[in-house]
Protein backbone atom coordinates (compact mmCIF):
# COMPACT_ATOMS: atom_id res chain seq x y z
CA MET A 1 34.45 111.20 115.23
CA LYS A 2 31.18 109.42 114.28
CA ALA A 3 27.73 110.90 115.03
CA ALA A 4 25.17 108.71 116.48
CA ALA A 5 21.61 108.65 115.30
CA SER A 6 20.71 110.22 118.64
CA GLY A 7 22.75 113.34 117.58
CA THR A 8 25.62 112.65 120.22
CA THR A 9 29.04 111.57 119.43
CA PHE A 10 29.77 107.73 119.36
CA ASP A 11 31.96 106.86 122.27
CA ARG A 12 33.22 103.49 122.28
CA ASP A 13 34.02 103.90 126.20
CA SER A 14 30.47 104.50 126.92
CA LEU A 15 27.94 101.80 127.74
CA THR A 16 25.78 102.27 124.78
CA ALA A 17 24.41 100.30 121.93
CA ALA A 18 22.64 100.22 118.37
CA HIS A 19 19.24 98.75 117.71
CA ARG A 20 17.18 98.86 114.62
CA ASN A 21 13.85 100.09 116.03
CA LEU A 22 14.18 100.41 119.88
CA PRO A 23 13.59 104.38 120.63
CA LEU A 24 16.62 105.98 121.11
CA GLY A 25 17.37 106.62 124.85
CA THR A 26 15.99 103.10 125.64
CA HIS A 27 17.84 101.33 128.45
CA VAL A 28 18.33 97.81 127.67
CA ARG A 29 19.92 94.96 129.96
CA VAL A 30 22.20 92.82 127.79
CA THR A 31 23.19 89.33 129.35
CA ASP A 32 25.54 86.73 128.27
CA PRO A 33 23.66 83.44 128.70
CA LYS A 34 26.75 81.38 129.22
CA SER A 35 28.17 83.52 132.04
CA SER A 36 25.47 85.44 133.32
CA LYS A 37 27.22 88.58 133.07
CA SER A 38 25.15 91.57 132.13
CA VAL A 39 25.20 95.07 131.44
CA VAL A 40 22.84 98.09 130.94
CA VAL A 41 23.36 99.98 127.95
CA ARG A 42 21.45 103.02 126.32
CA ILE A 43 20.17 102.84 122.73
CA THR A 44 22.16 105.84 120.92
CA ASP A 45 22.39 104.68 117.52
CA ARG A 46 20.82 102.62 114.54
CA GLY A 47 21.83 99.15 113.26
CA PRO A 48 22.92 96.66 113.19
CA TRP A 49 22.29 96.20 109.48
CA ILE A 50 22.87 92.44 109.19
CA ARG A 51 19.60 90.97 109.71
CA SER A 52 20.67 87.93 111.86
CA ARG A 53 22.17 90.41 114.47
CA VAL A 54 19.94 92.17 116.89
CA ILE A 55 22.01 94.54 118.83
CA ASP A 56 25.52 96.25 118.38
CA LEU A 57 27.41 96.91 121.58
CA SER A 58 29.83 99.67 122.20
CA LEU A 59 33.58 98.33 123.04
CA ALA A 60 32.91 99.09 126.59
CA ALA A 61 29.82 97.17 126.93
CA ALA A 62 31.40 94.38 124.88
CA ARG A 63 34.22 94.26 127.27
CA SER A 64 32.22 94.24 130.52
CA LEU A 65 30.42 91.16 129.14
CA GLY A 66 34.09 89.62 128.30
CA PHE A 67 33.34 89.84 124.36
CA ASN A 68 36.21 92.13 123.59
CA ASN A 69 38.06 89.47 121.64
CA ARG A 70 34.81 88.30 119.79
CA GLY A 71 32.94 90.18 116.94
CA VAL A 72 29.70 88.17 117.39
CA ALA A 73 27.99 86.56 120.43
CA GLN A 74 24.69 85.17 121.53
CA VAL A 75 23.17 87.42 124.18
CA ARG A 76 19.69 88.08 125.86
CA ALA A 77 18.43 91.71 125.56
CA GLU A 78 15.84 92.81 127.97
CA VAL A 79 14.20 96.39 127.66
CA LEU A 80 14.21 98.06 131.15
């Protein structure tokens, strides 16, 4: 199992995400601008390390937005 930066074990079935600099534990609403579907995730890890990407979602979060078959998607992220 992979350890997240927060010290927890990464769980792809939890509504979590990785962000380069938001404080660990921060809640973020991630919205698909095309469908208006949104999900609230908790930042538990660091990344993504590809500069053009802003946030990495867990599999559960991606599925809730309908992204489970896409590796990259445009989203809007709002810190709560």
